[in-house]
Amino acid sequence: MTTNGAPQTVAVIGAGSWGTALALQFARSGCNVRLGGLLELDELAAMAVKGENTRYIPGVRFPANLVANPNLQECLEGARDILVAVPSHGLRDTLTAIKPFLQPQSRVCWATKGFELHTGKLPHEVASEVLGAERPMAVLSGPTFAKEVAAGLPTALTIAANDNKFAQALAVGLSGDKFRAYTSDDMIGVEVGGAVKNVLAIGAGMSDGLGFGANTRIALINRGLVEMTRLGVALGASKETFMGLACMGDLVLTCTDNLSRNRRMGLALAKGMTVEAAKEEIQQVVEGVMAAEAVKEVAEGLGIEMPICDQIYRILYKGAAPREAVETLMRRQLRSEKDHA
């Protein structure tokens, strides 16, 4: 991205693995990037000195056009485009914190996946409440592991926005020889995919951990996609979105590769570990745990049937045994596949 021929300045707020990986990609594509955050102040100060995120992305040096800064105001100053990369439970507080430093021309995007717990709001709804619906806003989502993006491995994702010019600008700002961004106007569909796939990935991990095999895994992924689509369409999404990178693509990736912390949560639960013990072992936020509760609340409010997600919720919050949950699913009434149930 350029402004009057000069490289565009992008601020990335959230210096975890995904925020750092996206900051690296923006920098590799020629943007001037500032990496900041609300909680990682000591770590950001260390990154500013070391030029590396040694905790989450060790061994990958920051290029000269990527600078970490623990001062939020300085990080945002002069940056037209701001990317927020925080877990869903921290999105509202982060947007509230950056709001005083935004300019009228500021555009905000996020790489946050999940419904807001207890309100059932998607990220774009939270952003609209905090920042105003008239501001250009976008969501970045897709089948992406931070470690692989940081390493410069070929990757593709989707950018959905309420402003096509903003979506195009972000796509140009991120894309390069090994990174491709596609654009969309379906923010609801992209965000629903990002939320539900984390829940299903926990289920896939449990299934594999229990030794149920490839047949079970693909059935879970396929029928999980049906549940995801059903919920998204009920919320106003386009059905076609769920065949794309941010939905089917991200679902398959997260359910099948052990870089997925949600899949690792499922594997740990299959071994008999508690949710808290598994979190301690993984040492990163496992979005699918909170998403399971949020998805259940939203689905029940809409009267949408999501049996797989419901059983994963029962395991996480009601102490149901994973084997019992699978048996419950298999005993459900038989029906036509066209019923999408």
C-alpha atoms as a PDB file:
ATOM      1  CA  MET A   1       0.000   0.000   0.000  1.00  0.00           C
ATOM      2  CA  THR A   2       1.260   3.471  -0.818  1.00  0.00           C
ATOM      3  CA  THR A   3       0.158   7.013  -0.090  1.00  0.00           C
ATOM      4  CA  ASN A   4       1.217   9.565  -2.707  1.00  0.00           C
ATOM      5  CA  GLY A   5       3.934   7.153  -3.799  1.00  0.00           C
ATOM      6  CA  ALA A   6       5.261   6.578  -0.264  1.00  0.00           C
ATOM      7  CA  PRO A   7       4.833   3.284   1.620  1.00  0.00           C
ATOM      8  CA  GLN A   8       1.649   3.162   3.688  1.00  0.00           C
ATOM      9  CA  THR A   9       1.977   2.993   7.476  1.00  0.00           C
ATOM     10  CA  VAL A  10       0.040   0.145   9.080  1.00  0.00           C
ATOM     11  CA  ALA A  11      -0.424  -0.348  12.813  1.00  0.00           C
ATOM     12  CA  VAL A  12      -0.934  -3.897  14.086  1.00  0.00           C
ATOM     13  CA  ILE A  13      -2.395  -4.067  17.588  1.00  0.00           C
ATOM     14  CA  GLY A  14      -1.887  -7.448  19.191  1.00  0.00           C
ATOM     15  CA  ALA A  15       1.618  -8.874  19.361  1.00  0.00           C
ATOM     16  CA  GLY A  16       0.799 -12.547  19.734  1.00  0.00           C
ATOM     17  CA  SER A  17       1.695 -15.125  17.112  1.00  0.00           C
ATOM     18  CA  TRP A  18      -0.943 -14.116  14.550  1.00  0.00           C
ATOM     19  CA  GLY A  19      -0.512 -10.362  14.958  1.00  0.00           C
ATOM     20  CA  THR A  20       3.244 -10.701  14.619  1.00  0.00           C
ATOM     21  CA  ALA A  21       2.938 -12.942  11.556  1.00  0.00           C
ATOM     22  CA  LEU A  22       0.616 -10.469   9.816  1.00  0.00           C
ATOM     23  CA  ALA A  23       2.895  -7.575  10.746  1.00  0.00           C
ATOM     24  CA  LEU A  24       5.781  -9.464   9.121  1.00  0.00           C
ATOM     25  CA  GLN A  25       3.724 -10.036   5.966  1.00  0.00           C
ATOM     26  CA  PHE A  26       2.704  -6.370   5.695  1.00  0.00           C
ATOM     27  CA  ALA A  27       6.359  -5.411   6.085  1.00  0.00           C
ATOM     28  CA  ARG A  28       7.526  -7.908   3.466  1.00  0.00           C
ATOM     29  CA  SER A  29       4.991  -6.423   1.060  1.00  0.00           C
ATOM     30  CA  GLY A  30       6.528  -2.981   1.484  1.00  0.00           C
ATOM     31  CA  CYS A  31       4.422  -1.310   4.186  1.00  0.00           C
ATOM     32  CA  ASN A  32       5.891   0.542   7.140  1.00  0.00           C
ATOM     33  CA  VAL A  33       4.561  -1.402  10.125  1.00  0.00           C
ATOM     34  CA  ARG A  34       4.250  -0.642  13.820  1.00  0.00           C
ATOM     35  CA  LEU A  35       3.488  -3.531  16.138  1.00  0.00           C
ATOM     36  CA  GLY A  36       1.783  -2.687  19.421  1.00  0.00           C
ATOM     37  CA  GLY A  37      -0.676  -3.980  21.979  1.00  0.00           C
ATOM     38  CA  LEU A  38      -2.425  -3.446  25.288  1.00  0.00           C
ATOM     39  CA  LEU A  39      -1.159  -6.362  27.364  1.00  0.00           C
ATOM     40  CA  GLU A  40       2.263  -7.317  26.021  1.00  0.00           C
ATOM     41  CA  LEU A  41       4.040  -4.102  27.009  1.00  0.00           C
ATOM     42  CA  ASP A  42       7.166  -5.692  28.499  1.00  0.00           C
ATOM     43  CA  GLU A  43       7.361  -8.113  25.584  1.00  0.00           C
ATOM     44  CA  LEU A  44       6.907  -5.288  23.082  1.00  0.00           C
ATOM     45  CA  ALA A  45       9.733  -3.361  24.728  1.00  0.00           C
ATOM     46  CA  ALA A  46      11.934  -6.447  24.404  1.00  0.00           C
ATOM     47  CA  MET A  47      10.887  -6.865  20.754  1.00  0.00           C
ATOM     48  CA  ALA A  48      11.816  -3.245  20.076  1.00  0.00           C
ATOM     49  CA  VAL A  49      15.332  -4.007  21.314  1.00  0.00           C
ATOM     50  CA  LYS A  50      15.774  -7.511  19.912  1.00  0.00           C
ATOM     51  CA  GLY A  51      13.886  -7.038  16.632  1.00  0.00           C
ATOM     52  CA  GLU A  52      12.171 -10.400  17.120  1.00  0.00           C
ATOM     53  CA  ASN A  53       9.170 -11.925  18.908  1.00  0.00           C
ATOM     54  CA  THR A  54      11.131 -14.568  20.804  1.00  0.00           C
ATOM     55  CA  ARG A  55       8.057 -15.942  22.598  1.00  0.00           C
ATOM     56  CA  TYR A  56       5.679 -16.605  19.702  1.00  0.00           C
ATOM     57  CA  ILE A  57       7.760 -16.371  16.500  1.00  0.00           C
ATOM     58  CA  PRO A  58      11.318 -17.196  17.572  1.00  0.00           C
ATOM     59  CA  GLY A  59      14.051 -17.084  14.971  1.00  0.00           C
ATOM     60  CA  VAL A  60      12.295 -14.709  12.566  1.00  0.00           C
ATOM     61  CA  ARG A  61      13.960 -11.313  12.546  1.00  0.00           C
ATOM     62  CA  PHE A  62      11.920  -8.167  11.995  1.00  0.00           C
ATOM     63  CA  PRO A  63      12.764  -6.322   8.775  1.00  0.00           C
ATOM     64  CA  ALA A  64      13.827  -2.689   9.107  1.00  0.00           C
ATOM     65  CA  ASN A  65      10.313  -1.440   8.230  1.00  0.00           C
ATOM     66  CA  LEU A  66       8.697  -3.328  11.149  1.00  0.00           C
ATOM     67  CA  VAL A  67       9.082  -1.708  14.554  1.00  0.00           C
ATOM     68  CA  ALA A  68       7.591  -2.810  17.876  1.00  0.00           C
ATOM     69  CA  ASN A  69       6.358  -0.005  20.135  1.00  0.00           C
ATOM     70  CA  PRO A  70       4.736  -0.437  23.574  1.00  0.00           C
ATOM     71  CA  ASN A  71       3.263   3.103  23.429  1.00  0.00           C
ATOM     72  CA  LEU A  72      -0.215   2.722  21.946  1.00  0.00           C
ATOM     73  CA  GLN A  73      -0.613   6.352  20.893  1.00  0.00           C
ATOM     74  CA  GLU A  74       2.756   6.424  19.151  1.00  0.00           C
ATOM     75  CA  CYS A  75       1.978   3.114  17.467  1.00  0.00           C
ATOM     76  CA  LEU A  76      -1.248   4.476  15.993  1.00  0.00           C
ATOM     77  CA  GLU A  77      -0.078   7.975  15.111  1.00  0.00           C
ATOM     78  CA  GLY A  78      -0.110   8.556  11.368  1.00  0.00           C
ATOM     79  CA  ALA A  79      -1.356   5.035  10.560  1.00  0.00           C
ATOM     80  CA  ARG A  80      -4.403   5.174   8.317  1.00  0.00           C
ATOM     81  CA  ASP A  81      -4.972   1.425   8.466  1.00  0.00           C
ATOM     82  CA  ILE A  82      -5.114  -0.445  11.767  1.00  0.00           C
ATOM     83  CA  LEU A  83      -5.201  -4.222  12.131  1.00  0.00           C
ATOM     84  CA  VAL A  84      -6.409  -5.641  15.456  1.00  0.00           C
ATOM     85  CA  ALA A  85      -5.229  -9.195  16.138  1.00  0.00           C
ATOM     86  CA  VAL A  86      -6.595 -10.196  19.542  1.00  0.00           C
ATOM     87  CA  PRO A  87      -8.820 -13.032  20.811  1.00  0.00           C
ATOM     88  CA  SER A  88     -12.562 -12.440  20.616  1.00  0.00           C
ATOM     89  CA  HIS A  89     -12.916 -11.800  24.351  1.00  0.00           C
ATOM     90  CA  GLY A  90     -10.453  -8.905  24.074  1.00  0.00           C
ATOM     91  CA  LEU A  91     -11.826  -7.248  20.930  1.00  0.00           C
ATOM     92  CA  ARG A  92     -14.229  -4.768  22.528  1.00  0.00           C
ATOM     93  CA  ASP A  93     -11.663  -3.531  25.062  1.00  0.00           C
ATOM     94  CA  THR A  94      -9.002  -3.191  22.372  1.00  0.00           C
ATOM     95  CA  LEU A  95     -11.261  -1.210  20.040  1.00  0.00           C
ATOM     96  CA  THR A  96     -12.303   1.010  22.941  1.00  0.00           C
ATOM     97  CA  ALA A  97      -8.645   1.660  23.775  1.00  0.00           C
ATOM     98  CA  ILE A  98      -7.650   2.646  20.228  1.00  0.00           C
ATOM     99  CA  LYS A  99     -10.748   4.746  19.515  1.00  0.00           C
ATOM    100  CA  PRO A 100      -9.406   8.020  21.036  1.00  0.00           C
ATOM    101  CA  PHE A 101      -6.356   7.861  18.758  1.00  0.00           C
ATOM    102  CA  LEU A 102      -8.181   7.216  15.479  1.00  0.00           C
ATOM    103  CA  GLN A 103      -8.511   9.884  12.810  1.00  0.00           C
ATOM    104  CA  PRO A 104     -11.652  10.442  10.698  1.00  0.00           C
ATOM    105  CA  GLN A 105      -9.904   8.731   7.763  1.00  0.00           C
ATOM    106  CA  SER A 106      -8.718   5.745   9.832  1.00  0.00           C
ATOM    107  CA  ARG A 107      -9.757   2.313   8.604  1.00  0.00           C
ATOM    108  CA  VAL A 108      -9.885  -0.682  10.958  1.00  0.00           C
ATOM    109  CA  CYS A 109      -9.637  -4.387  10.271  1.00  0.00           C
ATOM    110  CA  TRP A 110      -9.320  -7.381  12.572  1.00  0.00           C
ATOM    111  CA  ALA A 111      -8.103 -10.958  12.519  1.00  0.00           C
ATOM    112  CA  THR A 112     -10.368 -11.936  15.422  1.00  0.00           C
ATOM    113  CA  LYS A 113     -12.426 -15.125  15.243  1.00  0.00           C
ATOM    114  CA  GLY A 114     -15.444 -15.796  17.418  1.00  0.00           C
ATOM    115  CA  PHE A 115     -18.758 -14.502  18.708  1.00  0.00           C
ATOM    116  CA  GLU A 116     -18.662 -12.172  21.694  1.00  0.00           C
ATOM    117  CA  LEU A 117     -19.614 -14.325  24.669  1.00  0.00           C
ATOM    118  CA  HIS A 118     -23.088 -13.709  26.135  1.00  0.00           C
ATOM    119  CA  THR A 119     -23.997 -10.975  23.632  1.00  0.00           C
ATOM    120  CA  GLY A 120     -23.763 -13.277  20.597  1.00  0.00           C
ATOM    121  CA  LYS A 121     -22.368 -10.418  18.521  1.00  0.00           C
ATOM    122  CA  LEU A 122     -19.973 -11.032  15.646  1.00  0.00           C
ATOM    123  CA  PRO A 123     -16.782  -8.938  15.522  1.00  0.00           C
ATOM    124  CA  HIS A 124     -18.164  -6.484  12.942  1.00  0.00           C
ATOM    125  CA  GLU A 125     -21.153  -5.831  15.203  1.00  0.00           C
ATOM    126  CA  VAL A 126     -18.865  -5.134  18.149  1.00  0.00           C
ATOM    127  CA  ALA A 127     -16.731  -2.841  15.984  1.00  0.00           C
ATOM    128  CA  SER A 128     -19.786  -0.970  14.720  1.00  0.00           C
ATOM    129  CA  GLU A 129     -20.969  -0.380  18.286  1.00  0.00           C
ATOM    130  CA  VAL A 130     -17.595   0.895  19.446  1.00  0.00           C
ATOM    131  CA  LEU A 131     -16.325   2.761  16.373  1.00  0.00           C
ATOM    132  CA  GLY A 132     -19.466   3.573  14.399  1.00  0.00           C
ATOM    133  CA  ALA A 133     -20.885   1.644  11.459  1.00  0.00           C
ATOM    134  CA  GLU A 134     -19.867   4.301   8.920  1.00  0.00           C
ATOM    135  CA  ARG A 135     -16.136   3.667   9.329  1.00  0.00           C
ATOM    136  CA  PRO A 136     -14.457   1.411   6.705  1.00  0.00           C
ATOM    137  CA  MET A 137     -13.981  -1.954   8.403  1.00  0.00           C
ATOM    138  CA  ALA A 138     -12.788  -5.407   7.382  1.00  0.00           C
ATOM    139  CA  VAL A 139     -12.098  -8.901   8.666  1.00  0.00           C
ATOM    140  CA  LEU A 140      -9.145 -11.106   7.672  1.00  0.00           C
ATOM    141  CA  SER A 141      -9.703 -14.858   7.898  1.00  0.00           C
ATOM    142  CA  GLY A 142      -8.727 -18.090   6.230  1.00  0.00           C
ATOM    143  CA  PRO A 143      -6.701 -21.315   6.466  1.00  0.00           C
ATOM    144  CA  THR A 144      -3.591 -19.823   7.998  1.00  0.00           C
ATOM    145  CA  PHE A 145      -1.139 -20.842  10.708  1.00  0.00           C
ATOM    146  CA  ALA A 146       0.915 -17.976  12.075  1.00  0.00           C
ATOM    147  CA  LYS A 147       4.112 -20.025  12.094  1.00  0.00           C
ATOM    148  CA  GLU A 148       3.863 -20.732   8.367  1.00  0.00           C
ATOM    149  CA  VAL A 149       2.996 -17.131   7.444  1.00  0.00           C
ATOM    150  CA  ALA A 150       5.933 -15.899   9.515  1.00  0.00           C
ATOM    151  CA  ALA A 151       8.193 -18.377   7.730  1.00  0.00           C
ATOM    152  CA  GLY A 152       7.073 -16.998   4.355  1.00  0.00           C
ATOM    153  CA  LEU A 153       5.364 -20.194   3.179  1.00  0.00           C
ATOM    154  CA  PRO A 154       2.700 -19.856   0.430  1.00  0.00           C
ATOM    155  CA  THR A 155      -0.628 -18.827   1.961  1.00  0.00           C
ATOM    156  CA  ALA A 156      -4.040 -17.514   0.898  1.00  0.00           C
ATOM    157  CA  LEU A 157      -6.823 -15.908   2.926  1.00  0.00           C
ATOM    158  CA  THR A 158      -9.998 -13.853   2.545  1.00  0.00           C
ATOM    159  CA  ILE A 159     -10.592 -10.179   3.338  1.00  0.00           C
ATOM    160  CA  ALA A 160     -14.249  -9.255   3.770  1.00  0.00           C
ATOM    161  CA  ALA A 161     -15.117  -5.573   4.170  1.00  0.00           C
ATOM    162  CA  ASN A 162     -17.957  -3.087   4.233  1.00  0.00           C
ATOM    163  CA  ASP A 163     -15.924  -0.948   1.816  1.00  0.00           C
ATOM    164  CA  ASN A 164     -14.554  -2.469  -1.392  1.00  0.00           C
ATOM    165  CA  LYS A 165     -11.713   0.067  -1.687  1.00  0.00           C
ATOM    166  CA  PHE A 166     -10.519  -0.864   1.784  1.00  0.00           C
ATOM    167  CA  ALA A 167     -10.677  -4.575   0.977  1.00  0.00           C
ATOM    168  CA  GLN A 168      -8.657  -4.019  -2.200  1.00  0.00           C
ATOM    169  CA  ALA A 169      -6.103  -1.875  -0.373  1.00  0.00           C
ATOM    170  CA  LEU A 170      -5.592  -4.536   2.291  1.00  0.00           C
ATOM    171  CA  ALA A 171      -5.289  -7.248  -0.360  1.00  0.00           C
ATOM    172  CA  VAL A 172      -2.589  -5.268  -2.144  1.00  0.00           C
ATOM    173  CA  GLY A 173      -0.856  -4.439   1.129  1.00  0.00           C
ATOM    174  CA  LEU A 174      -0.629  -8.072   2.187  1.00  0.00           C
ATOM    175  CA  SER A 175      -0.115  -9.888  -1.103  1.00  0.00           C
ATOM    176  CA  GLY A 176       3.252 -10.880  -2.472  1.00  0.00           C
ATOM    177  CA  ASP A 177       5.040 -13.741  -4.198  1.00  0.00           C
ATOM    178  CA  LYS A 178       4.022 -16.170  -1.425  1.00  0.00           C
ATOM    179  CA  PHE A 179       0.872 -14.591  -0.035  1.00  0.00           C
ATOM    180  CA  ARG A 180      -2.455 -14.088  -1.798  1.00  0.00           C
ATOM    181  CA  ALA A 181      -5.520 -12.293  -0.465  1.00  0.00           C
ATOM    182  CA  TYR A 182      -8.998 -12.611  -1.954  1.00  0.00           C
ATOM    183  CA  THR A 183     -11.758 -10.077  -1.273  1.00  0.00           C
ATOM    184  CA  SER A 184     -15.386 -10.479  -0.279  1.00  0.00           C
ATOM    185  CA  ASP A 185     -18.305  -8.364   0.898  1.00  0.00           C
ATOM    186  CA  ASP A 186     -19.750 -11.117   3.139  1.00  0.00           C
ATOM    187  CA  MET A 187     -18.416 -10.174   6.566  1.00  0.00           C
ATOM    188  CA  ILE A 188     -21.063 -12.270   8.322  1.00  0.00           C
ATOM    189  CA  GLY A 189     -20.174 -15.463   6.475  1.00  0.00           C
ATOM    190  CA  VAL A 190     -16.441 -15.021   6.919  1.00  0.00           C
ATOM    191  CA  GLU A 191     -16.838 -14.310  10.647  1.00  0.00           C
ATOM    192  CA  VAL A 192     -19.229 -17.207  11.275  1.00  0.00           C
ATOM    193  CA  GLY A 193     -16.765 -19.557   9.581  1.00  0.00           C
ATOM    194  CA  GLY A 194     -13.938 -18.308  11.761  1.00  0.00           C
ATOM    195  CA  ALA A 195     -15.972 -18.823  14.923  1.00  0.00           C
ATOM    196  CA  VAL A 196     -17.541 -22.234  14.332  1.00  0.00           C
ATOM    197  CA  LYS A 197     -14.494 -23.962  12.818  1.00  0.00           C
ATOM    198  CA  ASN A 198     -12.644 -23.671  16.136  1.00  0.00           C
ATOM    199  CA  VAL A 199     -15.388 -25.585  17.936  1.00  0.00           C
ATOM    200  CA  LEU A 200     -15.400 -28.317  15.303  1.00  0.00           C
ATOM    201  CA  ALA A 201     -11.603 -28.593  15.437  1.00  0.00           C
ATOM    202  CA  ILE A 202     -11.832 -29.547  19.108  1.00  0.00           C
ATOM    203  CA  GLY A 203     -14.226 -32.298  18.070  1.00  0.00           C
ATOM    204  CA  ALA A 204     -11.892 -33.490  15.321  1.00  0.00           C
ATOM    205  CA  GLY A 205      -9.011 -33.662  17.785  1.00  0.00           C
ATOM    206  CA  MET A 206     -11.112 -35.695  20.210  1.00  0.00           C
ATOM    207  CA  SER A 207     -12.207 -38.048  17.451  1.00  0.00           C
ATOM    208  CA  ASP A 208      -8.660 -38.710  16.309  1.00  0.00           C
ATOM    209  CA  GLY A 209      -7.412 -38.973  19.885  1.00  0.00           C
ATOM    210  CA  LEU A 210      -9.987 -41.665  20.575  1.00  0.00           C
ATOM    211  CA  GLY A 211      -8.788 -43.587  17.513  1.00  0.00           C
ATOM    212  CA  PHE A 212     -12.023 -43.291  15.532  1.00  0.00           C
ATOM    213  CA  GLY A 213     -10.156 -42.994  12.238  1.00  0.00           C
ATOM    214  CA  ALA A 214     -10.351 -41.061   8.988  1.00  0.00           C
ATOM    215  CA  ASN A 215     -13.971 -41.988   8.229  1.00  0.00           C
ATOM    216  CA  THR A 216     -15.154 -40.358  11.427  1.00  0.00           C
ATOM    217  CA  ARG A 217     -12.979 -37.287  10.917  1.00  0.00           C
ATOM    218  CA  ILE A 218     -14.280 -36.528   7.433  1.00  0.00           C
ATOM    219  CA  ALA A 219     -17.871 -37.127   8.522  1.00  0.00           C
ATOM    220  CA  LEU A 220     -17.376 -34.649  11.355  1.00  0.00           C
ATOM    221  CA  ILE A 221     -15.822 -32.073   9.022  1.00  0.00           C
ATOM    222  CA  ASN A 222     -18.527 -32.447   6.373  1.00  0.00           C
ATOM    223  CA  ARG A 223     -21.482 -32.408   8.738  1.00  0.00           C
ATOM    224  CA  GLY A 224     -19.815 -29.651  10.739  1.00  0.00           C
ATOM    225  CA  LEU A 225     -19.685 -27.569   7.574  1.00  0.00           C
ATOM    226  CA  VAL A 226     -23.428 -28.105   7.208  1.00  0.00           C
ATOM    227  CA  GLU A 227     -23.965 -26.802  10.754  1.00  0.00           C
ATOM    228  CA  MET A 228     -21.728 -23.806  10.118  1.00  0.00           C
ATOM    229  CA  THR A 229     -23.564 -22.975   6.901  1.00  0.00           C
ATOM    230  CA  ARG A 230     -26.975 -23.334   8.514  1.00  0.00           C
ATOM    231  CA  LEU A 231     -26.058 -20.885  11.261  1.00  0.00           C
ATOM    232  CA  GLY A 232     -24.415 -18.408   8.904  1.00  0.00           C
ATOM    233  CA  VAL A 233     -27.325 -18.309   6.469  1.00  0.00           C
ATOM    234  CA  ALA A 234     -29.722 -17.753   9.383  1.00  0.00           C
ATOM    235  CA  LEU A 235     -27.615 -14.734  10.376  1.00  0.00           C
ATOM    236  CA  GLY A 236     -27.696 -13.296   6.851  1.00  0.00           C
ATOM    237  CA  ALA A 237     -24.592 -14.755   5.217  1.00  0.00           C
ATOM    238  CA  SER A 238     -24.343 -15.973   1.643  1.00  0.00           C
ATOM    239  CA  LYS A 239     -24.357 -19.766   1.340  1.00  0.00           C
ATOM    240  CA  GLU A 240     -21.561 -19.612  -1.274  1.00  0.00           C
ATOM    241  CA  THR A 241     -19.147 -18.094   1.264  1.00  0.00           C
ATOM    242  CA  PHE A 242     -19.032 -21.376   3.156  1.00  0.00           C
ATOM    243  CA  MET A 243     -17.315 -23.128   0.239  1.00  0.00           C
ATOM    244  CA  GLY A 244     -14.451 -20.619   0.361  1.00  0.00           C
ATOM    245  CA  LEU A 245     -11.142 -20.174   2.136  1.00  0.00           C
ATOM    246  CA  ALA A 246     -12.524 -18.594   5.298  1.00  0.00           C
ATOM    247  CA  CYS A 247     -15.031 -21.395   5.934  1.00  0.00           C
ATOM    248  CA  MET A 248     -14.415 -24.793   4.350  1.00  0.00           C
ATOM    249  CA  GLY A 249     -10.722 -24.053   3.852  1.00  0.00           C
ATOM    250  CA  ASP A 250     -10.111 -22.935   7.426  1.00  0.00           C
ATOM    251  CA  LEU A 251     -12.265 -25.757   8.796  1.00  0.00           C
ATOM    252  CA  VAL A 252     -10.284 -28.478   7.014  1.00  0.00           C
ATOM    253  CA  LEU A 253      -6.948 -26.962   8.045  1.00  0.00           C
ATOM    254  CA  THR A 254      -7.883 -26.518  11.697  1.00  0.00           C
ATOM    255  CA  CYS A 255      -9.375 -29.997  12.000  1.00  0.00           C
ATOM    256  CA  THR A 256      -6.472 -31.877  10.429  1.00  0.00           C
ATOM    257  CA  ASP A 257      -3.148 -30.308  11.453  1.00  0.00           C
ATOM    258  CA  ASN A 258      -1.575 -30.385  14.897  1.00  0.00           C
ATOM    259  CA  LEU A 259      -0.417 -26.778  14.624  1.00  0.00           C
ATOM    260  CA  SER A 260      -4.067 -26.038  15.481  1.00  0.00           C
ATOM    261  CA  ARG A 261      -4.332 -25.336  19.200  1.00  0.00           C
ATOM    262  CA  ASN A 262      -8.054 -26.212  19.049  1.00  0.00           C
ATOM    263  CA  ARG A 263      -7.294 -29.625  17.573  1.00  0.00           C
ATOM    264  CA  ARG A 264      -4.615 -30.106  20.257  1.00  0.00           C
ATOM    265  CA  MET A 265      -7.242 -29.290  22.902  1.00  0.00           C
ATOM    266  CA  GLY A 266      -9.382 -32.115  21.527  1.00  0.00           C
ATOM    267  CA  LEU A 267      -6.445 -34.525  21.504  1.00  0.00           C
ATOM    268  CA  ALA A 268      -5.715 -33.659  25.137  1.00  0.00           C
ATOM    269  CA  LEU A 269      -9.343 -34.170  26.173  1.00  0.00           C
ATOM    270  CA  ALA A 270      -9.337 -37.569  24.465  1.00  0.00           C
ATOM    271  CA  LYS A 271      -6.410 -38.539  26.713  1.00  0.00           C
ATOM    272  CA  GLY A 272      -8.497 -37.712  29.767  1.00  0.00           C
ATOM    273  CA  MET A 273      -7.038 -34.293  30.531  1.00  0.00           C
ATOM    274  CA  THR A 274      -9.275 -31.552  31.902  1.00  0.00           C
ATOM    275  CA  VAL A 275      -9.905 -28.390  29.897  1.00  0.00           C
ATOM    276  CA  GLU A 276      -7.789 -26.363  32.311  1.00  0.00           C
ATOM    277  CA  ALA A 277      -4.898 -28.839  32.218  1.00  0.00           C
ATOM    278  CA  ALA A 278      -5.008 -28.834  28.422  1.00  0.00           C
ATOM    279  CA  LYS A 279      -4.938 -25.027  28.346  1.00  0.00           C
ATOM    280  CA  GLU A 280      -1.900 -25.084  30.610  1.00  0.00           C
ATOM    281  CA  GLU A 281      -0.153 -27.526  28.290  1.00  0.00           C
ATOM    282  CA  ILE A 282      -0.984 -25.556  25.113  1.00  0.00           C
ATOM    283  CA  GLN A 283       0.061 -22.205  26.647  1.00  0.00           C
ATOM    284  CA  GLN A 284      -2.018 -20.131  24.207  1.00  0.00           C
ATOM    285  CA  VAL A 285      -5.627 -19.013  24.000  1.00  0.00           C
ATOM    286  CA  VAL A 286      -7.828 -21.850  22.696  1.00  0.00           C
ATOM    287  CA  GLU A 287     -10.635 -19.900  21.048  1.00  0.00           C
ATOM    288  CA  GLY A 288     -12.829 -22.946  20.490  1.00  0.00           C
ATOM    289  CA  VAL A 289     -13.517 -23.391  24.196  1.00  0.00           C
ATOM    290  CA  MET A 290     -15.250 -20.030  24.596  1.00  0.00           C
ATOM    291  CA  ALA A 291     -16.655 -20.255  21.067  1.00  0.00           C
ATOM    292  CA  ALA A 292     -18.478 -23.481  21.976  1.00  0.00           C
ATOM    293  CA  GLU A 293     -20.506 -21.647  24.603  1.00  0.00           C
ATOM    294  CA  ALA A 294     -21.110 -18.618  22.382  1.00  0.00           C
ATOM    295  CA  VAL A 295     -22.152 -20.725  19.378  1.00  0.00           C
ATOM    296  CA  LYS A 296     -24.598 -22.678  21.541  1.00  0.00           C
ATOM    297  CA  GLU A 297     -26.176 -19.449  22.823  1.00  0.00           C
ATOM    298  CA  VAL A 298     -26.516 -17.958  19.332  1.00  0.00           C
ATOM    299  CA  ALA A 299     -27.858 -21.164  17.787  1.00  0.00           C
ATOM    300  CA  GLU A 300     -30.432 -21.665  20.539  1.00  0.00           C
ATOM    301  CA  GLY A 301     -31.541 -18.053  20.227  1.00  0.00           C
ATOM    302  CA  LEU A 302     -32.196 -18.589  16.528  1.00  0.00           C
ATOM    303  CA  GLY A 303     -33.670 -22.073  16.901  1.00  0.00           C
ATOM    304  CA  ILE A 304     -30.863 -23.555  14.767  1.00  0.00           C
ATOM    305  CA  GLU A 305     -29.969 -27.226  15.225  1.00  0.00           C
ATOM    306  CA  MET A 306     -26.211 -27.836  15.584  1.00  0.00           C
ATOM    307  CA  PRO A 307     -25.848 -31.342  17.061  1.00  0.00           C
ATOM    308  CA  ILE A 308     -22.078 -31.707  16.665  1.00  0.00           C
ATOM    309  CA  CYS A 309     -21.331 -28.316  18.215  1.00  0.00           C
ATOM    310  CA  ASP A 310     -23.836 -29.083  20.962  1.00  0.00           C
ATOM    311  CA  GLN A 311     -22.073 -32.311  21.907  1.00  0.00           C
ATOM    312  CA  ILE A 312     -18.692 -30.552  21.972  1.00  0.00           C
ATOM    313  CA  TYR A 313     -20.234 -27.957  24.303  1.00  0.00           C
ATOM    314  CA  ARG A 314     -21.504 -30.781  26.569  1.00  0.00           C
ATOM    315  CA  ILE A 315     -18.005 -32.255  26.772  1.00  0.00           C
ATOM    316  CA  LEU A 316     -16.374 -28.908  27.548  1.00  0.00           C
ATOM    317  CA  TYR A 317     -18.941 -27.552  30.002  1.00  0.00           C
ATOM    318  CA  LYS A 318     -21.108 -30.408  31.261  1.00  0.00           C
ATOM    319  CA  GLY A 319     -18.582 -33.151  31.793  1.00  0.00           C
ATOM    320  CA  ALA A 320     -19.904 -35.449  29.065  1.00  0.00           C
ATOM    321  CA  ALA A 321     -17.542 -38.219  27.996  1.00  0.00           C
ATOM    322  CA  PRO A 322     -16.255 -37.934  24.410  1.00  0.00           C
ATOM    323  CA  ARG A 323     -17.202 -41.526  23.547  1.00  0.00           C
ATOM    324  CA  GLU A 324     -20.689 -40.962  24.915  1.00  0.00           C
ATOM    325  CA  ALA A 325     -21.048 -37.836  22.788  1.00  0.00           C
ATOM    326  CA  VAL A 326     -20.136 -39.729  19.601  1.00  0.00           C
ATOM    327  CA  GLU A 327     -22.614 -42.461  20.445  1.00  0.00           C
ATOM    328  CA  THR A 328     -25.322 -39.839  20.994  1.00  0.00           C
ATOM    329  CA  LEU A 329     -24.654 -38.387  17.548  1.00  0.00           C
ATOM    330  CA  MET A 330     -24.743 -41.785  15.882  1.00  0.00           C
ATOM    331  CA  ARG A 331     -28.095 -42.621  17.492  1.00  0.00           C
ATOM    332  CA  ARG A 332     -29.825 -39.536  16.071  1.00  0.00           C
ATOM    333  CA  GLN A 333     -32.868 -40.118  13.904  1.00  0.00           C
ATOM    334  CA  LEU A 334     -32.038 -41.021  10.314  1.00  0.00           C
ATOM    335  CA  ARG A 335     -33.049 -38.534   7.645  1.00  0.00           C
ATOM    336  CA  SER A 336     -32.248 -37.350   4.127  1.00  0.00           C
ATOM    337  CA  GLU A 337     -28.928 -35.590   3.610  1.00  0.00           C
ATOM    338  CA  LYS A 338     -30.916 -32.874   1.839  1.00  0.00           C
ATOM    339  CA  ASP A 339     -32.532 -32.028   5.175  1.00  0.00           C
ATOM    340  CA  HIS A 340     -29.138 -30.560   6.168  1.00  0.00           C
ATOM    341  CA  ALA A 341     -29.507 -31.956   9.664  1.00  0.00           C
END
